Amino acid sequence: MVPLAVAGMIISGTGMGIAMPTFTVAVQNTVRRTELGTVTAASHLFRSIGGVFGSALTGNIVLTDLSHRLADLLPPGAPAKIDPGQVLGRLMQMPGDPRLSLLKHAFSLSITHGFFIGAILLTGGLMASLFLEDRELKARWDDQPAME
């Protein structure tokens, strides 16, 4: 399951790397030459803010799902709050412990759940992009130069 998560990250990163310059050109194509710097900076600012919120939301989804999965794995008499450092240290000392494979499986399912929610949101973004106005790329700007 871990290689599947890595493959998902590689595919997501490649897709974003291909799409981002296209989005920048599309935004720049909608404004006058004198506004290029402002629009490009605003585009990058909002892209960064979206990345921060997206990472936080995905992390929250993964950790919430993981906490529910781990609660199901723990015996009924287990303490409600466990120090993660202690748990990791103890699990590393017991490499053949079957609970380690259950923990890996819980992490894998939680990460997959995070990617699935992300895919749903990306599909919504794709659907929204289909309704954007189709414009020809500008070969040159006919208005005044940016600086004189």
N, C-alpha and C. Protein backbone atom coordinates (compact mmCIF):
# COMPACT_ATOMS: atom_id res chain seq x y z
N MET A 1 0.81 -1.20 0.00
CA MET A 1 0.00 0.00 0.00
C MET A 1 0.86 1.27 0.00
N VAL A 2 2.04 1.21 0.64
CA VAL A 2 2.91 2.38 0.68
C VAL A 2 3.38 2.77 -0.72
N PRO A 3 3.82 1.82 -1.58
CA PRO A 3 4.18 2.21 -2.94
C PRO A 3 3.02 2.85 -3.70
N LEU A 4 1.80 2.45 -3.40
CA LEU A 4 0.63 3.05 -4.03
C LEU A 4 0.50 4.51 -3.61
N ALA A 5 0.76 4.82 -2.34
CA ALA A 5 0.71 6.20 -1.87
C ALA A 5 1.80 7.04 -2.53
N VAL A 6 2.99 6.47 -2.66
CA VAL A 6 4.10 7.19 -3.31
C VAL A 6 3.75 7.43 -4.78
N ALA A 7 3.18 6.44 -5.44
CA ALA A 7 2.77 6.61 -6.83
C ALA A 7 1.72 7.71 -6.96
N GLY A 8 0.79 7.76 -6.02
CA GLY A 8 -0.21 8.83 -6.03
C GLY A 8 0.41 10.20 -5.87
N MET A 9 1.41 10.31 -5.00
CA MET A 9 2.10 11.59 -4.82
C MET A 9 2.86 12.00 -6.07
N ILE A 10 3.50 11.03 -6.73
CA ILE A 10 4.24 11.33 -7.96
C ILE A 10 3.29 11.79 -9.06
N ILE A 11 2.18 11.11 -9.21
CA ILE A 11 1.20 11.49 -10.23
C ILE A 11 0.62 12.87 -9.94
N SER A 12 0.29 13.13 -8.68
CA SER A 12 -0.26 14.44 -8.30
C SER A 12 0.76 15.55 -8.56
N GLY A 13 2.00 15.31 -8.16
CA GLY A 13 3.04 16.32 -8.36
C GLY A 13 3.31 16.60 -9.82
N THR A 14 3.33 15.55 -10.63
CA THR A 14 3.56 15.72 -12.06
C THR A 14 2.41 16.51 -12.70
N GLY A 15 1.20 16.16 -12.33
CA GLY A 15 0.04 16.87 -12.87
C GLY A 15 0.03 18.34 -12.49
N MET A 16 0.35 18.62 -11.23
CA MET A 16 0.39 20.02 -10.79
C MET A 16 1.53 20.78 -11.48
N GLY A 17 2.67 20.11 -11.66
CA GLY A 17 3.80 20.75 -12.33
C GLY A 17 3.49 21.11 -13.78
N ILE A 18 2.71 20.29 -14.43
CA ILE A 18 2.32 20.57 -15.81
C ILE A 18 1.25 21.66 -15.86
N ALA A 19 0.34 21.65 -14.91
CA ALA A 19 -0.81 22.56 -14.96
C ALA A 19 -0.48 23.99 -14.53
N MET A 20 0.40 24.17 -13.57
CA MET A 20 0.63 25.50 -13.01
C MET A 20 1.10 26.54 -14.04
N PRO A 21 2.07 26.26 -14.90
CA PRO A 21 2.44 27.27 -15.89
C PRO A 21 1.29 27.60 -16.84
N THR A 22 0.48 26.61 -17.15
CA THR A 22 -0.68 26.85 -18.02
C THR A 22 -1.67 27.79 -17.35
N PHE A 23 -1.89 27.61 -16.05
CA PHE A 23 -2.79 28.50 -15.32
C PHE A 23 -2.23 29.92 -15.30
N THR A 24 -0.92 30.06 -15.13
CA THR A 24 -0.29 31.38 -15.11
C THR A 24 -0.49 32.08 -16.45
N VAL A 25 -0.27 31.38 -17.55
CA VAL A 25 -0.45 31.97 -18.87
C VAL A 25 -1.92 32.34 -19.10
N ALA A 26 -2.83 31.49 -18.65
CA ALA A 26 -4.26 31.78 -18.82
C ALA A 26 -4.66 33.04 -18.07
N VAL A 27 -4.15 33.21 -16.87
CA VAL A 27 -4.47 34.41 -16.09
C VAL A 27 -3.85 35.64 -16.73
N GLN A 28 -2.59 35.53 -17.17
CA GLN A 28 -1.92 36.67 -17.79
C GLN A 28 -2.58 37.08 -19.10
N ASN A 29 -3.20 36.16 -19.77
CA ASN A 29 -3.84 36.43 -21.05
C ASN A 29 -5.12 37.25 -20.92
N THR A 30 -5.64 37.37 -19.71
CA THR A 30 -6.92 38.06 -19.53
C THR A 30 -6.76 39.53 -19.16
N VAL A 31 -5.54 40.02 -19.00
CA VAL A 31 -5.35 41.40 -18.53
C VAL A 31 -4.48 42.19 -19.50
N ARG A 32 -4.47 43.52 -19.27
CA ARG A 32 -3.60 44.39 -20.06
C ARG A 32 -2.16 44.20 -19.62
N ARG A 33 -1.24 44.61 -20.48
CA ARG A 33 0.18 44.45 -20.18
C ARG A 33 0.59 45.19 -18.91
N THR A 34 -0.01 46.32 -18.64
CA THR A 34 0.35 47.10 -17.46
C THR A 34 -0.05 46.41 -16.16
N GLU A 35 -0.91 45.43 -16.23
CA GLU A 35 -1.37 44.72 -15.03
C GLU A 35 -0.74 43.33 -14.87
N LEU A 36 0.18 42.97 -15.74
CA LEU A 36 0.76 41.62 -15.72
C LEU A 36 1.41 41.27 -14.38
N GLY A 37 2.23 42.16 -13.85
CA GLY A 37 2.92 41.88 -12.59
C GLY A 37 1.96 41.68 -11.44
N THR A 38 0.96 42.55 -11.36
CA THR A 38 -0.01 42.45 -10.27
C THR A 38 -0.79 41.15 -10.35
N VAL A 39 -1.25 40.82 -11.54
CA VAL A 39 -2.05 39.62 -11.71
C VAL A 39 -1.22 38.36 -11.47
N THR A 40 0.02 38.35 -11.94
CA THR A 40 0.87 37.18 -11.73
C THR A 40 1.17 36.99 -10.24
N ALA A 41 1.48 38.09 -9.55
CA ALA A 41 1.74 38.00 -8.10
C ALA A 41 0.51 37.54 -7.35
N ALA A 42 -0.66 38.08 -7.71
CA ALA A 42 -1.89 37.67 -7.03
C ALA A 42 -2.19 36.20 -7.29
N SER A 43 -1.94 35.75 -8.52
CA SER A 43 -2.16 34.34 -8.85
C SER A 43 -1.27 33.44 -7.99
N HIS A 44 -0.01 33.81 -7.86
CA HIS A 44 0.91 32.99 -7.05
C HIS A 44 0.56 33.06 -5.57
N LEU A 45 0.13 34.22 -5.10
CA LEU A 45 -0.27 34.36 -3.69
C LEU A 45 -1.45 33.43 -3.38
N PHE A 46 -2.48 33.50 -4.20
CA PHE A 46 -3.66 32.68 -3.94
C PHE A 46 -3.37 31.19 -4.15
N ARG A 47 -2.46 30.87 -5.06
CA ARG A 47 -2.04 29.47 -5.23
C ARG A 47 -1.35 28.97 -3.96
N SER A 48 -0.49 29.82 -3.39
CA SER A 48 0.21 29.44 -2.15
C SER A 48 -0.76 29.28 -0.99
N ILE A 49 -1.69 30.22 -0.88
CA ILE A 49 -2.69 30.13 0.19
C ILE A 49 -3.54 28.87 0.02
N GLY A 50 -3.92 28.58 -1.21
CA GLY A 50 -4.68 27.36 -1.47
C GLY A 50 -3.90 26.11 -1.12
N GLY A 51 -2.59 26.13 -1.39
CA GLY A 51 -1.75 24.99 -1.03
C GLY A 51 -1.67 24.79 0.47
N VAL A 52 -1.59 25.90 1.21
CA VAL A 52 -1.54 25.80 2.67
C VAL A 52 -2.85 25.21 3.20
N PHE A 53 -3.97 25.75 2.75
CA PHE A 53 -5.26 25.24 3.21
C PHE A 53 -5.49 23.80 2.75
N GLY A 54 -5.10 23.50 1.52
CA GLY A 54 -5.26 22.13 1.01
C GLY A 54 -4.43 21.13 1.80
N SER A 55 -3.19 21.50 2.12
CA SER A 55 -2.34 20.60 2.91
C SER A 55 -2.90 20.40 4.30
N ALA A 56 -3.36 21.49 4.91
CA ALA A 56 -3.93 21.38 6.26
C ALA A 56 -5.20 20.54 6.25
N LEU A 57 -6.04 20.74 5.26
CA LEU A 57 -7.29 19.97 5.17
C LEU A 57 -7.00 18.48 4.93
N THR A 58 -6.07 18.20 4.01
CA THR A 58 -5.73 16.80 3.74
C THR A 58 -5.11 16.15 4.97
N GLY A 59 -4.21 16.86 5.65
CA GLY A 59 -3.62 16.32 6.87
C GLY A 59 -4.65 16.05 7.93
N ASN A 60 -5.61 16.96 8.06
CA ASN A 60 -6.69 16.78 9.04
C ASN A 60 -7.53 15.55 8.69
N ILE A 61 -7.85 15.38 7.43
CA ILE A 61 -8.64 14.22 7.00
C ILE A 61 -7.89 12.92 7.31
N VAL A 62 -6.59 12.89 6.95
CA VAL A 62 -5.80 11.68 7.17
C VAL A 62 -5.68 11.37 8.66
N LEU A 63 -5.37 12.38 9.48
CA LEU A 63 -5.20 12.13 10.92
C LEU A 63 -6.50 11.77 11.62
N THR A 64 -7.61 12.39 11.21
CA THR A 64 -8.90 12.03 11.80
C THR A 64 -9.26 10.59 11.45
N ASP A 65 -9.07 10.23 10.19
CA ASP A 65 -9.35 8.86 9.77
C ASP A 65 -8.43 7.88 10.50
N LEU A 66 -7.16 8.24 10.64
CA LEU A 66 -6.20 7.37 11.32
C LEU A 66 -6.57 7.18 12.79
N SER A 67 -6.99 8.26 13.45
CA SER A 67 -7.36 8.12 14.87
C SER A 67 -8.56 7.19 15.05
N HIS A 68 -9.52 7.25 14.12
CA HIS A 68 -10.67 6.33 14.20
C HIS A 68 -10.24 4.88 13.94
N ARG A 69 -9.36 4.70 12.97
CA ARG A 69 -8.88 3.34 12.66
C ARG A 69 -8.07 2.77 13.82
N LEU A 70 -7.22 3.60 14.43
CA LEU A 70 -6.41 3.11 15.55
C LEU A 70 -7.28 2.82 16.77
N ALA A 71 -8.32 3.63 16.97
CA ALA A 71 -9.23 3.37 18.09
C ALA A 71 -9.91 2.01 17.93
N ASP A 72 -10.19 1.63 16.69
CA ASP A 72 -10.80 0.32 16.45
C ASP A 72 -9.81 -0.82 16.70
N LEU A 73 -8.51 -0.54 16.51
CA LEU A 73 -7.49 -1.58 16.69
C LEU A 73 -7.12 -1.80 18.16
N LEU A 74 -7.28 -0.74 18.98
CA LEU A 74 -6.88 -0.85 20.38
C LEU A 74 -7.87 -1.68 21.18
N PRO A 75 -7.38 -2.39 22.17
CA PRO A 75 -8.30 -3.15 23.03
C PRO A 75 -9.17 -2.20 23.86
N PRO A 76 -10.33 -2.65 24.34
CA PRO A 76 -11.26 -1.78 25.07
C PRO A 76 -10.67 -1.13 26.32
N GLY A 77 -9.72 -1.75 26.98
CA GLY A 77 -9.17 -1.19 28.21
C GLY A 77 -7.98 -0.27 27.98
N ALA A 78 -7.65 0.06 26.72
CA ALA A 78 -6.48 0.90 26.43
C ALA A 78 -6.74 2.33 26.87
N PRO A 79 -5.69 3.03 27.29
CA PRO A 79 -5.87 4.42 27.70
C PRO A 79 -6.33 5.29 26.54
N ALA A 80 -7.10 6.33 26.87
CA ALA A 80 -7.65 7.19 25.83
C ALA A 80 -6.56 8.03 25.17
N LYS A 81 -5.53 8.40 25.91
CA LYS A 81 -4.47 9.23 25.35
C LYS A 81 -3.14 8.51 25.52
N ILE A 82 -2.45 8.29 24.42
CA ILE A 82 -1.18 7.58 24.43
C ILE A 82 -0.12 8.50 23.85
N ASP A 83 1.05 8.52 24.45
CA ASP A 83 2.17 9.32 23.96
C ASP A 83 2.70 8.69 22.67
N PRO A 84 2.61 9.42 21.54
CA PRO A 84 3.05 8.83 20.26
C PRO A 84 4.52 8.43 20.27
N GLY A 85 5.36 9.18 20.96
CA GLY A 85 6.78 8.84 21.01
C GLY A 85 7.01 7.50 21.68
N GLN A 86 6.25 7.22 22.72
CA GLN A 86 6.37 5.93 23.41
C GLN A 86 5.92 4.79 22.51
N VAL A 87 4.81 5.00 21.84
CA VAL A 87 4.27 3.94 20.99
C VAL A 87 5.24 3.61 19.86
N LEU A 88 5.76 4.65 19.20
CA LEU A 88 6.68 4.42 18.09
C LEU A 88 7.94 3.72 18.57
N GLY A 89 8.47 4.15 19.72
CA GLY A 89 9.67 3.52 20.27
C GLY A 89 9.45 2.05 20.58
N ARG A 90 8.32 1.74 21.16
CA ARG A 90 8.02 0.34 21.49
C ARG A 90 7.80 -0.51 20.25
N LEU A 91 7.13 0.07 19.25
CA LEU A 91 6.89 -0.70 18.02
C LEU A 91 8.18 -0.96 17.27
N MET A 92 9.11 0.00 17.31
CA MET A 92 10.39 -0.19 16.63
C MET A 92 11.22 -1.29 17.29
N GLN A 93 10.99 -1.52 18.58
CA GLN A 93 11.71 -2.57 19.29
C GLN A 93 11.12 -3.95 18.99
N MET A 94 9.93 -3.98 18.43
CA MET A 94 9.25 -5.26 18.15
C MET A 94 8.97 -5.38 16.65
N PRO A 95 10.02 -5.57 15.81
CA PRO A 95 9.79 -5.57 14.36
C PRO A 95 8.91 -6.71 13.86
N GLY A 96 8.84 -7.83 14.59
CA GLY A 96 8.02 -8.95 14.13
C GLY A 96 6.62 -8.92 14.70
N ASP A 97 6.28 -7.87 15.43
CA ASP A 97 4.97 -7.78 16.08
C ASP A 97 3.87 -7.64 15.03
N PRO A 98 2.81 -8.45 15.09
CA PRO A 98 1.72 -8.34 14.11
C PRO A 98 0.99 -7.01 14.20
N ARG A 99 1.07 -6.33 15.34
CA ARG A 99 0.41 -5.03 15.46
C ARG A 99 1.07 -3.99 14.56
N LEU A 100 2.35 -4.18 14.26
CA LEU A 100 3.05 -3.26 13.37
C LEU A 100 2.44 -3.30 11.97
N SER A 101 2.11 -4.47 11.48
CA SER A 101 1.48 -4.56 10.15
C SER A 101 0.07 -3.96 10.18
N LEU A 102 -0.64 -4.10 11.30
CA LEU A 102 -1.95 -3.45 11.42
C LEU A 102 -1.81 -1.93 11.41
N LEU A 103 -0.78 -1.43 12.08
CA LEU A 103 -0.53 0.01 12.10
C LEU A 103 -0.21 0.53 10.71
N LYS A 104 0.64 -0.19 9.99
CA LYS A 104 0.97 0.19 8.61
C LYS A 104 -0.28 0.19 7.73
N HIS A 105 -1.11 -0.81 7.91
CA HIS A 105 -2.34 -0.90 7.12
C HIS A 105 -3.28 0.27 7.44
N ALA A 106 -3.38 0.64 8.72
CA ALA A 106 -4.22 1.77 9.11
C ALA A 106 -3.70 3.07 8.49
N PHE A 107 -2.38 3.28 8.52
CA PHE A 107 -1.79 4.46 7.89
C PHE A 107 -2.08 4.47 6.40
N SER A 108 -1.90 3.34 5.75
CA SER A 108 -2.11 3.24 4.31
C SER A 108 -3.56 3.56 3.94
N LEU A 109 -4.50 3.00 4.68
CA LEU A 109 -5.91 3.28 4.39
C LEU A 109 -6.26 4.74 4.63
N SER A 110 -5.68 5.34 5.66
CA SER A 110 -5.96 6.74 5.95
C SER A 110 -5.41 7.66 4.86
N ILE A 111 -4.19 7.36 4.39
CA ILE A 111 -3.61 8.16 3.31
C ILE A 111 -4.42 8.00 2.03
N THR A 112 -4.85 6.78 1.75
CA THR A 112 -5.69 6.53 0.58
C THR A 112 -7.00 7.31 0.67
N HIS A 113 -7.57 7.36 1.86
CA HIS A 113 -8.80 8.12 2.08
C HIS A 113 -8.55 9.61 1.80
N GLY A 114 -7.42 10.13 2.25
CA GLY A 114 -7.08 11.53 1.98
C GLY A 114 -6.95 11.81 0.50
N PHE A 115 -6.29 10.90 -0.24
CA PHE A 115 -6.17 11.05 -1.69
C PHE A 115 -7.53 10.97 -2.37
N PHE A 116 -8.40 10.11 -1.89
CA PHE A 116 -9.72 9.97 -2.49
C PHE A 116 -10.53 11.26 -2.34
N ILE A 117 -10.50 11.85 -1.14
CA ILE A 117 -11.20 13.12 -0.93
C ILE A 117 -10.59 14.20 -1.82
N GLY A 118 -9.26 14.21 -1.93
CA GLY A 118 -8.59 15.17 -2.81
C GLY A 118 -9.00 14.98 -4.27
N ALA A 119 -9.14 13.74 -4.70
CA ALA A 119 -9.56 13.46 -6.07
C ALA A 119 -10.97 13.97 -6.34
N ILE A 120 -11.84 13.85 -5.35
CA ILE A 120 -13.20 14.37 -5.50
C ILE A 120 -13.17 15.89 -5.66
N LEU A 121 -12.37 16.57 -4.83
CA LEU A 121 -12.26 18.03 -4.93
C LEU A 121 -11.64 18.45 -6.26
N LEU A 122 -10.63 17.71 -6.72
CA LEU A 122 -10.02 18.01 -8.01
C LEU A 122 -10.99 17.81 -9.16
N THR A 123 -11.84 16.81 -9.06
CA THR A 123 -12.86 16.59 -10.09
C THR A 123 -13.82 17.77 -10.13
N GLY A 124 -14.17 18.30 -8.96
CA GLY A 124 -15.02 19.49 -8.91
C GLY A 124 -14.34 20.68 -9.57
N GLY A 125 -13.04 20.84 -9.34
CA GLY A 125 -12.29 21.92 -9.98
C GLY A 125 -12.23 21.75 -11.49
N LEU A 126 -12.06 20.52 -11.93
CA LEU A 126 -12.04 20.24 -13.37
C LEU A 126 -13.39 20.58 -13.99
N MET A 127 -14.46 20.21 -13.33
CA MET A 127 -15.80 20.52 -13.85
C MET A 127 -16.01 22.03 -13.92
N ALA A 128 -15.55 22.76 -12.91
CA ALA A 128 -15.68 24.22 -12.92
C ALA A 128 -14.87 24.83 -14.05
N SER A 129 -13.69 24.26 -14.35
CA SER A 129 -12.86 24.81 -15.41
C SER A 129 -13.48 24.63 -16.79
N LEU A 130 -14.36 23.66 -16.94
CA LEU A 130 -15.02 23.45 -18.23
C LEU A 130 -15.98 24.59 -18.57
N PHE A 131 -16.38 25.36 -17.56
CA PHE A 131 -17.31 26.46 -17.80
C PHE A 131 -16.60 27.79 -18.01
N LEU A 132 -15.26 27.79 -18.03
CA LEU A 132 -14.53 29.03 -18.27
C LEU A 132 -14.64 29.42 -19.74
N GLU A 133 -14.59 30.71 -19.98
CA GLU A 133 -14.67 31.22 -21.34
C GLU A 133 -13.41 30.85 -22.12
N ASP A 134 -13.58 30.40 -23.34
CA ASP A 134 -12.44 30.03 -24.19
C ASP A 134 -11.91 31.30 -24.85
N ARG A 135 -10.62 31.57 -24.68
CA ARG A 135 -10.01 32.77 -25.26
C ARG A 135 -8.78 32.39 -26.07
N GLU A 136 -8.54 33.18 -27.10
CA GLU A 136 -7.32 33.01 -27.90
C GLU A 136 -6.16 33.62 -27.13
N LEU A 137 -4.99 33.01 -27.25
CA LEU A 137 -3.80 33.58 -26.63
C LEU A 137 -3.40 34.84 -27.38
N LYS A 138 -2.96 35.84 -26.63
CA LYS A 138 -2.52 37.08 -27.25
C LYS A 138 -1.14 36.86 -27.87
N ALA A 139 -1.01 37.27 -29.13
CA ALA A 139 0.30 37.19 -29.77
C ALA A 139 1.17 38.35 -29.29
N ARG A 140 0.51 39.49 -29.04
CA ARG A 140 1.20 40.67 -28.51
C ARG A 140 0.17 41.59 -27.89
N TRP A 141 0.64 42.52 -27.07
CA TRP A 141 -0.25 43.47 -26.43
C TRP A 141 -0.28 44.74 -27.28
N ASP A 142 -1.48 45.23 -27.57
CA ASP A 142 -1.62 46.42 -28.40
C ASP A 142 -1.68 47.69 -27.58
N ASP A 143 -1.82 47.56 -26.26
CA ASP A 143 -1.88 48.76 -25.44
C ASP A 143 -0.45 49.26 -25.17
N GLN A 144 -0.33 50.23 -24.29
CA GLN A 144 0.96 50.86 -24.04
C GLN A 144 1.94 49.89 -23.38
N PRO A 145 3.24 50.14 -23.57
CA PRO A 145 4.23 49.28 -22.92
C PRO A 145 4.16 49.40 -21.40
N ALA A 146 4.66 48.39 -20.71
CA ALA A 146 4.61 48.39 -19.25
C ALA A 146 5.46 49.51 -18.67
N MET A 147 6.60 49.80 -19.27
CA MET A 147 7.47 50.88 -18.78
C MET A 147 7.89 51.72 -19.96
N GLU A 148 8.08 53.01 -19.70
CA GLU A 148 8.54 53.89 -20.78
C GLU A 148 9.87 54.47 -20.44
